[in-house]
Amino acid sequence: MELSIEDFFEGDFIPKDVIVICVAGGSGSGKSFVAERIADKVGARVLAMDDYILPNKITRDSNWDLPECWDLDLLNANLKSFLDGRGFKKPVYDFRNGGISKYEVFEAGGRIVVEGLHSLHDLVFSYSDFSVFVESPESVRLARVVKRDFSERGGYNESRIKERWNNTIQSAFLKYVDSQKWKVDFIVLN
């Protein structure tokens, strides 16, 4: 079902018994915003997939949006621990220095919103009780990525960001992310 972001948050669409909620979408679609709003609404915590980037796979010219650049096995193990009632230590990825800056404990219990490009990947999605795909036009996503990467991630100018978008981000989105939106419970138009 497709809904505007306003209608989605005004409604009561998320069942009360769900534990794991997956939020996917392309870079710059508003995944983090939607995940935070869902978490606030249902009393959950957000687990950002960005923290599961594999630093050794990331180079200036690599395509970070490919599934093999993410530690999906660790995320899978962490979700299993969470559902088994155990907390886990998770990495915290730092985009400015291109590595894991620290580890933090994610306590067991409650609800969790898994937010990220590959939250519909089978290794993650198999734990999902409810799922949302955040849909935004490509031009809007690109403008948001340029603004975010320039201000928050450092070291990139607009032309470099647009080059990366055209050469890697959009093609990986179409192949690995957009192609899986048929799995979700809701498509939220942002």
N, C-alpha and C. Protein backbone atom coordinates (compact mmCIF):
# COMPACT_ATOMS: atom_id res chain seq x y z
N MET A 1 0.83 -1.17 0.00
CA MET A 1 0.00 0.00 0.00
C MET A 1 0.89 1.25 0.00
N GLU A 2 0.55 2.22 -0.83
CA GLU A 2 1.28 3.48 -0.88
C GLU A 2 0.52 4.57 -0.13
N LEU A 3 1.27 5.32 0.67
CA LEU A 3 0.69 6.43 1.41
C LEU A 3 1.66 7.59 1.42
N SER A 4 1.14 8.80 1.51
CA SER A 4 2.02 9.94 1.72
C SER A 4 2.61 9.81 3.13
N ILE A 5 3.72 10.48 3.34
CA ILE A 5 4.36 10.41 4.65
C ILE A 5 3.42 10.96 5.73
N GLU A 6 2.66 12.00 5.40
CA GLU A 6 1.72 12.59 6.35
C GLU A 6 0.63 11.59 6.72
N ASP A 7 0.03 10.96 5.71
CA ASP A 7 -1.04 9.99 5.97
C ASP A 7 -0.52 8.78 6.75
N PHE A 8 0.71 8.35 6.44
CA PHE A 8 1.28 7.21 7.15
C PHE A 8 1.41 7.51 8.64
N PHE A 9 1.92 8.68 8.98
CA PHE A 9 2.12 9.00 10.39
C PHE A 9 0.85 9.42 11.11
N GLU A 10 -0.15 9.87 10.37
CA GLU A 10 -1.43 10.19 11.00
C GLU A 10 -2.22 8.92 11.31
N GLY A 11 -1.98 7.88 10.56
CA GLY A 11 -2.70 6.63 10.74
C GLY A 11 -2.07 5.75 11.80
N ASP A 12 -2.73 4.65 12.07
CA ASP A 12 -2.24 3.68 13.06
C ASP A 12 -2.03 2.36 12.33
N PHE A 13 -0.99 2.32 11.49
CA PHE A 13 -0.79 1.19 10.60
C PHE A 13 0.15 0.12 11.15
N ILE A 14 0.92 0.45 12.16
CA ILE A 14 1.92 -0.49 12.67
C ILE A 14 1.29 -1.33 13.78
N PRO A 15 1.18 -2.64 13.57
CA PRO A 15 0.58 -3.50 14.59
C PRO A 15 1.34 -3.43 15.92
N LYS A 16 0.62 -3.57 16.99
CA LYS A 16 1.20 -3.43 18.33
C LYS A 16 2.14 -4.56 18.71
N ASP A 17 2.01 -5.71 18.04
CA ASP A 17 2.80 -6.88 18.42
C ASP A 17 4.11 -7.03 17.65
N VAL A 18 4.44 -6.09 16.78
CA VAL A 18 5.68 -6.22 16.01
C VAL A 18 6.89 -5.87 16.88
N ILE A 19 7.98 -6.58 16.65
CA ILE A 19 9.23 -6.35 17.37
C ILE A 19 10.25 -5.70 16.45
N VAL A 20 10.42 -6.24 15.23
CA VAL A 20 11.41 -5.73 14.30
C VAL A 20 10.70 -5.06 13.12
N ILE A 21 11.04 -3.79 12.92
CA ILE A 21 10.49 -3.00 11.83
C ILE A 21 11.66 -2.63 10.92
N CYS A 22 11.54 -2.93 9.64
CA CYS A 22 12.60 -2.59 8.68
C CYS A 22 12.17 -1.38 7.86
N VAL A 23 13.10 -0.43 7.71
CA VAL A 23 12.85 0.76 6.89
C VAL A 23 13.96 0.83 5.84
N ALA A 24 13.56 0.77 4.58
CA ALA A 24 14.51 0.81 3.47
C ALA A 24 14.16 1.95 2.53
N GLY A 25 15.04 2.20 1.61
CA GLY A 25 14.85 3.23 0.60
C GLY A 25 16.21 3.62 0.06
N GLY A 26 16.22 4.43 -0.95
CA GLY A 26 17.47 4.86 -1.55
C GLY A 26 18.20 5.89 -0.71
N SER A 27 19.45 6.15 -1.06
CA SER A 27 20.22 7.20 -0.41
C SER A 27 19.47 8.52 -0.58
N GLY A 28 19.28 9.23 0.52
CA GLY A 28 18.62 10.52 0.48
C GLY A 28 17.11 10.46 0.43
N SER A 29 16.52 9.28 0.58
CA SER A 29 15.07 9.16 0.50
C SER A 29 14.36 9.64 1.75
N GLY A 30 15.07 9.66 2.86
CA GLY A 30 14.45 10.02 4.13
C GLY A 30 14.28 8.83 5.07
N LYS A 31 15.05 7.76 4.82
CA LYS A 31 14.95 6.56 5.66
C LYS A 31 15.17 6.87 7.13
N SER A 32 16.22 7.60 7.43
CA SER A 32 16.55 7.90 8.83
C SER A 32 15.44 8.70 9.49
N PHE A 33 14.92 9.70 8.77
CA PHE A 33 13.82 10.52 9.30
C PHE A 33 12.60 9.65 9.59
N VAL A 34 12.21 8.83 8.64
CA VAL A 34 11.04 7.97 8.82
C VAL A 34 11.28 6.97 9.95
N ALA A 35 12.47 6.38 10.00
CA ALA A 35 12.79 5.41 11.07
C ALA A 35 12.69 6.06 12.44
N GLU A 36 13.23 7.27 12.58
CA GLU A 36 13.15 7.98 13.87
C GLU A 36 11.71 8.28 14.25
N ARG A 37 10.91 8.70 13.28
CA ARG A 37 9.49 8.99 13.56
C ARG A 37 8.74 7.72 13.96
N ILE A 38 9.02 6.62 13.27
CA ILE A 38 8.39 5.34 13.65
C ILE A 38 8.82 4.96 15.06
N ALA A 39 10.11 5.05 15.34
CA ALA A 39 10.62 4.69 16.66
C ALA A 39 9.95 5.52 17.75
N ASP A 40 9.82 6.81 17.52
CA ASP A 40 9.14 7.68 18.49
C ASP A 40 7.68 7.27 18.68
N LYS A 41 7.05 6.94 17.59
CA LYS A 41 5.62 6.62 17.62
C LYS A 41 5.34 5.31 18.37
N VAL A 42 6.21 4.32 18.18
CA VAL A 42 5.93 3.00 18.76
C VAL A 42 6.83 2.65 19.95
N GLY A 43 7.68 3.58 20.36
CA GLY A 43 8.55 3.32 21.51
C GLY A 43 9.64 2.31 21.20
N ALA A 44 10.30 2.48 20.05
CA ALA A 44 11.36 1.56 19.63
C ALA A 44 12.70 2.29 19.61
N ARG A 45 13.76 1.55 19.38
CA ARG A 45 15.09 2.12 19.16
C ARG A 45 15.49 1.85 17.72
N VAL A 46 16.30 2.75 17.16
CA VAL A 46 16.75 2.61 15.78
C VAL A 46 18.12 1.95 15.74
N LEU A 47 18.25 0.98 14.88
CA LEU A 47 19.53 0.34 14.60
C LEU A 47 19.89 0.72 13.16
N ALA A 48 20.88 1.60 13.03
CA ALA A 48 21.26 2.12 11.71
C ALA A 48 22.23 1.17 11.02
N MET A 49 21.88 0.75 9.83
CA MET A 49 22.75 -0.15 9.08
C MET A 49 24.06 0.52 8.67
N ASP A 50 24.09 1.85 8.61
CA ASP A 50 25.34 2.53 8.26
C ASP A 50 26.49 2.12 9.18
N ASP A 51 26.17 1.74 10.41
CA ASP A 51 27.22 1.32 11.34
C ASP A 51 27.84 -0.03 10.96
N TYR A 52 27.23 -0.73 10.04
CA TYR A 52 27.71 -2.05 9.64
C TYR A 52 28.51 -2.02 8.33
N ILE A 53 28.91 -0.82 7.90
CA ILE A 53 29.78 -0.72 6.73
C ILE A 53 31.11 -1.38 7.05
N LEU A 54 31.65 -2.12 6.12
CA LEU A 54 32.96 -2.75 6.30
C LEU A 54 34.06 -1.78 5.84
N PRO A 55 34.81 -1.18 6.77
CA PRO A 55 35.80 -0.17 6.40
C PRO A 55 36.82 -0.64 5.36
N ASN A 56 37.20 -1.91 5.40
CA ASN A 56 38.20 -2.40 4.44
C ASN A 56 37.65 -2.48 3.01
N LYS A 57 36.34 -2.39 2.84
CA LYS A 57 35.73 -2.41 1.51
C LYS A 57 35.54 -1.01 0.94
N ILE A 58 35.75 0.00 1.76
CA ILE A 58 35.47 1.37 1.35
C ILE A 58 36.75 2.08 0.93
N THR A 59 36.80 2.43 -0.34
CA THR A 59 37.89 3.24 -0.85
C THR A 59 37.26 4.45 -1.53
N ARG A 60 38.08 5.36 -1.90
CA ARG A 60 37.56 6.58 -2.56
C ARG A 60 36.77 6.24 -3.82
N ASP A 61 37.13 5.17 -4.49
CA ASP A 61 36.47 4.83 -5.76
C ASP A 61 35.54 3.62 -5.69
N SER A 62 35.38 3.02 -4.51
CA SER A 62 34.53 1.84 -4.43
C SER A 62 33.06 2.22 -4.38
N ASN A 63 32.23 1.26 -4.69
CA ASN A 63 30.78 1.46 -4.63
C ASN A 63 30.30 0.97 -3.26
N TRP A 64 30.09 1.89 -2.37
CA TRP A 64 29.72 1.57 -0.99
C TRP A 64 28.32 1.00 -0.88
N ASP A 65 27.53 1.12 -1.92
CA ASP A 65 26.14 0.72 -1.84
C ASP A 65 25.89 -0.73 -2.23
N LEU A 66 26.94 -1.46 -2.53
CA LEU A 66 26.79 -2.88 -2.84
C LEU A 66 26.63 -3.66 -1.54
N PRO A 67 25.81 -4.70 -1.53
CA PRO A 67 25.60 -5.47 -0.30
C PRO A 67 26.89 -6.02 0.31
N GLU A 68 27.89 -6.36 -0.51
CA GLU A 68 29.12 -6.93 0.03
C GLU A 68 29.98 -5.92 0.79
N CYS A 69 29.61 -4.65 0.78
CA CYS A 69 30.34 -3.62 1.53
C CYS A 69 29.79 -3.45 2.94
N TRP A 70 28.85 -4.28 3.30
CA TRP A 70 28.19 -4.19 4.60
C TRP A 70 28.35 -5.52 5.32
N ASP A 71 28.52 -5.46 6.61
CA ASP A 71 28.67 -6.69 7.40
C ASP A 71 27.28 -7.22 7.76
N LEU A 72 26.63 -7.77 6.75
CA LEU A 72 25.28 -8.29 6.94
C LEU A 72 25.26 -9.53 7.83
N ASP A 73 26.37 -10.28 7.85
CA ASP A 73 26.44 -11.44 8.75
C ASP A 73 26.44 -11.00 10.22
N LEU A 74 27.20 -9.94 10.54
CA LEU A 74 27.19 -9.43 11.91
C LEU A 74 25.83 -8.86 12.26
N LEU A 75 25.23 -8.12 11.36
CA LEU A 75 23.89 -7.58 11.62
C LEU A 75 22.90 -8.71 11.85
N ASN A 76 22.98 -9.76 11.05
CA ASN A 76 22.13 -10.93 11.21
C ASN A 76 22.33 -11.53 12.60
N ALA A 77 23.58 -11.72 13.02
CA ALA A 77 23.87 -12.28 14.34
C ALA A 77 23.36 -11.36 15.45
N ASN A 78 23.52 -10.06 15.27
CA ASN A 78 23.03 -9.10 16.28
C ASN A 78 21.52 -9.15 16.40
N LEU A 79 20.82 -9.22 15.29
CA LEU A 79 19.35 -9.32 15.34
C LEU A 79 18.90 -10.62 15.99
N LYS A 80 19.60 -11.70 15.70
CA LYS A 80 19.29 -12.98 16.35
C LYS A 80 19.47 -12.87 17.85
N SER A 81 20.57 -12.27 18.29
CA SER A 81 20.80 -12.07 19.72
C SER A 81 19.68 -11.26 20.34
N PHE A 82 19.31 -10.18 19.68
CA PHE A 82 18.24 -9.31 20.18
C PHE A 82 16.95 -10.09 20.36
N LEU A 83 16.58 -10.87 19.36
CA LEU A 83 15.33 -11.64 19.44
C LEU A 83 15.42 -12.80 20.42
N ASP A 84 16.64 -13.25 20.72
CA ASP A 84 16.84 -14.29 21.74
C ASP A 84 16.91 -13.70 23.15
N GLY A 85 16.70 -12.38 23.25
CA GLY A 85 16.68 -11.74 24.55
C GLY A 85 18.05 -11.32 25.07
N ARG A 86 19.04 -11.25 24.19
CA ARG A 86 20.38 -10.85 24.60
C ARG A 86 20.76 -9.55 23.92
N GLY A 87 21.46 -8.71 24.63
CA GLY A 87 22.01 -7.50 24.03
C GLY A 87 23.22 -7.86 23.18
N PHE A 88 23.78 -6.87 22.52
CA PHE A 88 24.95 -7.12 21.67
C PHE A 88 25.78 -5.85 21.57
N LYS A 89 27.05 -6.04 21.21
CA LYS A 89 27.92 -4.90 20.92
C LYS A 89 27.87 -4.66 19.42
N LYS A 90 27.65 -3.41 19.07
CA LYS A 90 27.57 -3.07 17.65
C LYS A 90 28.62 -2.02 17.32
N PRO A 91 29.11 -2.05 16.09
CA PRO A 91 30.07 -1.03 15.67
C PRO A 91 29.38 0.31 15.49
N VAL A 92 30.17 1.37 15.54
CA VAL A 92 29.70 2.72 15.21
C VAL A 92 30.64 3.23 14.12
N TYR A 93 30.12 3.36 12.91
CA TYR A 93 30.92 3.78 11.78
C TYR A 93 31.01 5.30 11.74
N ASP A 94 32.20 5.81 11.48
CA ASP A 94 32.44 7.25 11.39
C ASP A 94 32.77 7.60 9.93
N PHE A 95 31.86 8.29 9.26
CA PHE A 95 32.06 8.64 7.86
C PHE A 95 33.21 9.61 7.66
N ARG A 96 33.49 10.43 8.64
CA ARG A 96 34.57 11.42 8.48
C ARG A 96 35.94 10.75 8.45
N ASN A 97 36.13 9.73 9.32
CA ASN A 97 37.45 9.08 9.31
C ASN A 97 37.45 7.76 8.55
N GLY A 98 36.29 7.32 8.08
CA GLY A 98 36.21 6.12 7.26
C GLY A 98 36.48 4.83 7.99
N GLY A 99 36.11 4.78 9.27
CA GLY A 99 36.33 3.56 10.03
C GLY A 99 35.37 3.44 11.20
N ILE A 100 35.54 2.35 11.92
CA ILE A 100 34.74 2.13 13.12
C ILE A 100 35.36 2.98 14.22
N SER A 101 34.57 3.90 14.78
CA SER A 101 35.11 4.81 15.80
C SER A 101 35.02 4.21 17.20
N LYS A 102 34.06 3.32 17.42
CA LYS A 102 33.87 2.70 18.73
C LYS A 102 32.83 1.60 18.60
N TYR A 103 32.59 0.94 19.70
CA TYR A 103 31.52 -0.04 19.79
C TYR A 103 30.60 0.38 20.92
N GLU A 104 29.31 0.09 20.75
CA GLU A 104 28.37 0.41 21.82
C GLU A 104 27.45 -0.77 22.06
N VAL A 105 26.94 -0.85 23.27
CA VAL A 105 26.06 -1.95 23.64
C VAL A 105 24.62 -1.58 23.27
N PHE A 106 23.97 -2.49 22.62
CA PHE A 106 22.56 -2.36 22.27
C PHE A 106 21.83 -3.36 23.15
N GLU A 107 21.12 -2.85 24.14
CA GLU A 107 20.45 -3.71 25.12
C GLU A 107 19.29 -4.48 24.50
N ALA A 108 19.02 -5.63 25.06
CA ALA A 108 17.89 -6.46 24.62
C ALA A 108 16.59 -5.86 25.12
N GLY A 109 15.51 -6.31 24.53
CA GLY A 109 14.19 -5.91 24.97
C GLY A 109 13.60 -4.77 24.16
N GLY A 110 12.29 -4.79 24.09
CA GLY A 110 11.59 -3.73 23.38
C GLY A 110 11.48 -4.00 21.90
N ARG A 111 11.33 -2.91 21.18
CA ARG A 111 11.18 -2.97 19.73
C ARG A 111 12.37 -2.31 19.06
N ILE A 112 12.59 -2.67 17.81
CA ILE A 112 13.76 -2.18 17.09
C ILE A 112 13.35 -1.80 15.66
N VAL A 113 13.88 -0.68 15.19
CA VAL A 113 13.68 -0.26 13.81
C VAL A 113 15.04 -0.37 13.12
N VAL A 114 15.13 -1.27 12.16
CA VAL A 114 16.36 -1.45 11.40
C VAL A 114 16.25 -0.57 10.16
N GLU A 115 17.14 0.41 10.08
CA GLU A 115 17.07 1.41 9.01
C GLU A 115 18.30 1.33 8.14
N GLY A 116 18.09 1.19 6.83
CA GLY A 116 19.24 1.19 5.94
C GLY A 116 18.93 0.72 4.54
N LEU A 117 19.90 0.96 3.67
CA LEU A 117 19.77 0.57 2.27
C LEU A 117 19.37 -0.89 2.11
N HIS A 118 19.99 -1.74 2.88
CA HIS A 118 19.83 -3.18 2.68
C HIS A 118 18.99 -3.86 3.77
N SER A 119 18.07 -3.11 4.35
CA SER A 119 17.23 -3.73 5.38
C SER A 119 16.19 -4.68 4.78
N LEU A 120 16.10 -4.73 3.45
CA LEU A 120 15.24 -5.72 2.79
C LEU A 120 16.03 -6.92 2.30
N HIS A 121 17.34 -6.90 2.50
CA HIS A 121 18.18 -8.05 2.14
C HIS A 121 17.71 -9.26 2.96
N ASP A 122 17.72 -10.43 2.36
CA ASP A 122 17.18 -11.62 3.03
C ASP A 122 17.77 -11.86 4.42
N LEU A 123 19.06 -11.61 4.61
CA LEU A 123 19.69 -11.84 5.92
C LEU A 123 19.11 -10.95 7.01
N VAL A 124 18.55 -9.83 6.64
CA VAL A 124 17.97 -8.88 7.59
C VAL A 124 16.45 -9.00 7.59
N PHE A 125 15.89 -9.01 6.41
CA PHE A 125 14.44 -9.00 6.26
C PHE A 125 13.77 -10.23 6.87
N SER A 126 14.49 -11.31 6.98
CA SER A 126 13.91 -12.53 7.57
C SER A 126 13.46 -12.30 9.02
N TYR A 127 13.98 -11.26 9.67
CA TYR A 127 13.60 -10.96 11.06
C TYR A 127 12.46 -9.95 11.13
N SER A 128 12.07 -9.40 10.02
CA SER A 128 11.12 -8.30 10.00
C SER A 128 9.69 -8.75 10.29
N ASP A 129 9.03 -7.98 11.16
CA ASP A 129 7.61 -8.19 11.42
C ASP A 129 6.76 -7.18 10.65
N PHE A 130 7.40 -6.07 10.26
CA PHE A 130 6.71 -4.99 9.57
C PHE A 130 7.76 -4.24 8.78
N SER A 131 7.41 -3.75 7.59
CA SER A 131 8.42 -3.09 6.77
C SER A 131 7.84 -1.92 5.98
N VAL A 132 8.74 -0.96 5.75
CA VAL A 132 8.37 0.27 5.05
C VAL A 132 9.47 0.57 4.03
N PHE A 133 9.06 1.00 2.85
CA PHE A 133 9.99 1.49 1.85
C PHE A 133 9.72 2.97 1.68
N VAL A 134 10.76 3.80 1.81
CA VAL A 134 10.61 5.24 1.66
C VAL A 134 10.94 5.60 0.22
N GLU A 135 9.96 6.10 -0.49
CA GLU A 135 10.06 6.43 -1.91
C GLU A 135 10.18 7.94 -2.08
N SER A 136 11.20 8.36 -2.78
CA SER A 136 11.39 9.78 -3.12
C SER A 136 11.89 9.87 -4.55
N PRO A 137 11.54 10.93 -5.25
CA PRO A 137 12.05 11.10 -6.62
C PRO A 137 13.58 11.19 -6.63
N GLU A 138 14.17 10.72 -7.72
CA GLU A 138 15.63 10.71 -7.82
C GLU A 138 16.22 12.11 -7.63
N SER A 139 15.61 13.12 -8.20
CA SER A 139 16.15 14.49 -8.08
C SER A 139 16.16 14.97 -6.63
N VAL A 140 15.16 14.60 -5.88
CA VAL A 140 15.09 14.97 -4.46
C VAL A 140 16.16 14.21 -3.68
N ARG A 141 16.30 12.93 -3.95
CA ARG A 141 17.31 12.14 -3.25
C ARG A 141 18.71 12.66 -3.53
N LEU A 142 18.99 12.98 -4.80
CA LEU A 142 20.31 13.50 -5.16
C LEU A 142 20.58 14.82 -4.43
N ALA A 143 19.63 15.72 -4.41
CA ALA A 143 19.82 17.01 -3.73
C ALA A 143 20.11 16.79 -2.24
N ARG A 144 19.41 15.86 -1.62
CA ARG A 144 19.63 15.57 -0.20
C ARG A 144 21.01 14.95 0.04
N VAL A 145 21.43 14.06 -0.84
CA VAL A 145 22.74 13.41 -0.71
C VAL A 145 23.85 14.45 -0.86
N VAL A 146 23.72 15.34 -1.82
CA VAL A 146 24.73 16.39 -2.00
C VAL A 146 24.84 17.21 -0.72
N LYS A 147 23.72 17.65 -0.20
CA LYS A 147 23.72 18.47 1.02
C LYS A 147 24.30 17.70 2.20
N ARG A 148 23.86 16.46 2.40
CA ARG A 148 24.32 15.65 3.53
C ARG A 148 25.81 15.32 3.42
N ASP A 149 26.23 14.82 2.29
CA ASP A 149 27.61 14.39 2.15
C ASP A 149 28.58 15.56 2.24
N PHE A 150 28.17 16.71 1.73
CA PHE A 150 29.03 17.89 1.79
C PHE A 150 29.16 18.39 3.24
N SER A 151 28.04 18.43 3.97
CA SER A 151 28.08 19.00 5.31
C SER A 151 28.44 18.01 6.41
N GLU A 152 28.03 16.76 6.29
CA GLU A 152 28.20 15.81 7.38
C GLU A 152 29.34 14.82 7.18
N ARG A 153 29.66 14.51 5.97
CA ARG A 153 30.63 13.44 5.73
C ARG A 153 31.98 13.95 5.29
N GLY A 154 32.06 15.20 4.95
CA GLY A 154 33.34 15.86 4.69
C GLY A 154 34.12 15.31 3.52
N GLY A 155 34.95 16.17 2.97
CA GLY A 155 35.90 15.75 1.96
C GLY A 155 35.36 15.61 0.56
N TYR A 156 34.11 15.95 0.35
CA TYR A 156 33.53 15.79 -0.98
C TYR A 156 32.96 17.11 -1.46
N ASN A 157 33.22 17.43 -2.72
CA ASN A 157 32.58 18.60 -3.31
C ASN A 157 31.38 18.12 -4.13
N GLU A 158 30.57 19.07 -4.56
CA GLU A 158 29.33 18.72 -5.24
C GLU A 158 29.57 17.90 -6.50
N SER A 159 30.58 18.25 -7.29
CA SER A 159 30.81 17.50 -8.53
C SER A 159 31.24 16.06 -8.24
N ARG A 160 32.04 15.86 -7.20
CA ARG A 160 32.47 14.50 -6.82
C ARG A 160 31.27 13.68 -6.33
N ILE A 161 30.38 14.31 -5.58
CA ILE A 161 29.19 13.62 -5.07
C ILE A 161 28.28 13.23 -6.24
N LYS A 162 28.07 14.15 -7.17
CA LYS A 162 27.21 13.86 -8.33
C LYS A 162 27.83 12.78 -9.22
N GLU A 163 29.15 12.80 -9.35
CA GLU A 163 29.83 11.77 -10.12
C GLU A 163 29.62 10.40 -9.48
N ARG A 164 29.78 10.34 -8.17
CA ARG A 164 29.55 9.08 -7.44
C ARG A 164 28.10 8.63 -7.59
N TRP A 165 27.17 9.59 -7.53
CA TRP A 165 25.74 9.28 -7.70
C TRP A 165 25.51 8.61 -9.06
N ASN A 166 26.03 9.23 -10.09
CA ASN A 166 25.82 8.73 -11.45
C ASN A 166 26.54 7.42 -11.73
N ASN A 167 27.71 7.22 -11.14
CA ASN A 167 28.51 6.04 -11.44
C ASN A 167 28.21 4.84 -10.53
N THR A 168 27.75 5.08 -9.32
CA THR A 168 27.59 3.95 -8.40
C THR A 168 26.28 3.95 -7.62
N ILE A 169 25.92 5.06 -7.01
CA ILE A 169 24.79 5.08 -6.07
C ILE A 169 23.49 4.69 -6.75
N GLN A 170 23.15 5.36 -7.84
CA GLN A 170 21.86 5.11 -8.48
C GLN A 170 21.77 3.71 -9.08
N SER A 171 22.84 3.24 -9.69
CA SER A 171 22.79 1.89 -10.29
C SER A 171 22.65 0.81 -9.20
N ALA A 172 23.35 0.98 -8.08
CA ALA A 172 23.22 0.01 -6.98
C ALA A 172 21.82 0.07 -6.37
N PHE A 173 21.28 1.27 -6.26
CA PHE A 173 19.91 1.43 -5.74
C PHE A 173 18.92 0.65 -6.61
N LEU A 174 19.00 0.84 -7.91
CA LEU A 174 18.05 0.18 -8.81
C LEU A 174 18.19 -1.34 -8.76
N LYS A 175 19.42 -1.82 -8.68
CA LYS A 175 19.66 -3.26 -8.70
C LYS A 175 19.35 -3.94 -7.37
N TYR A 176 19.76 -3.33 -6.24
CA TYR A 176 19.70 -4.03 -4.96
C TYR A 176 18.64 -3.54 -3.99
N VAL A 177 18.16 -2.33 -4.16
CA VAL A 177 17.24 -1.76 -3.17
C VAL A 177 15.84 -1.62 -3.76
N ASP A 178 15.71 -0.82 -4.80
CA ASP A 178 14.41 -0.56 -5.40
C ASP A 178 13.74 -1.85 -5.88
N SER A 179 14.54 -2.78 -6.33
CA SER A 179 14.00 -4.04 -6.85
C SER A 179 13.37 -4.92 -5.77
N GLN A 180 13.55 -4.56 -4.49
CA GLN A 180 13.00 -5.37 -3.40
C GLN A 180 11.80 -4.73 -2.71
N LYS A 181 11.37 -3.56 -3.18
CA LYS A 181 10.30 -2.88 -2.46
C LYS A 181 8.96 -3.63 -2.51
N TRP A 182 8.83 -4.60 -3.39
CA TRP A 182 7.61 -5.39 -3.44
C TRP A 182 7.38 -6.19 -2.16
N LYS A 183 8.42 -6.34 -1.34
CA LYS A 183 8.33 -7.12 -0.10
C LYS A 183 7.60 -6.39 1.03
N VAL A 184 7.56 -5.07 0.98
CA VAL A 184 7.18 -4.28 2.15
C VAL A 184 5.69 -4.23 2.39
N ASP A 185 5.35 -3.84 3.62
CA ASP A 185 3.94 -3.63 3.99
C ASP A 185 3.42 -2.30 3.46
N PHE A 186 4.29 -1.27 3.51
CA PHE A 186 3.90 0.07 3.07
C PHE A 186 5.02 0.74 2.28
N ILE A 187 4.62 1.49 1.26
CA ILE A 187 5.52 2.40 0.58
C ILE A 187 5.10 3.80 1.01
N VAL A 188 6.04 4.51 1.63
CA VAL A 188 5.77 5.86 2.12
C VAL A 188 6.37 6.85 1.13
N LEU A 189 5.53 7.72 0.60
CA LEU A 189 5.97 8.70 -0.39
C LEU A 189 6.47 9.94 0.34
N ASN A 190 7.75 10.21 0.18
CA ASN A 190 8.39 11.33 0.88
C ASN A 190 8.93 12.31 -0.14
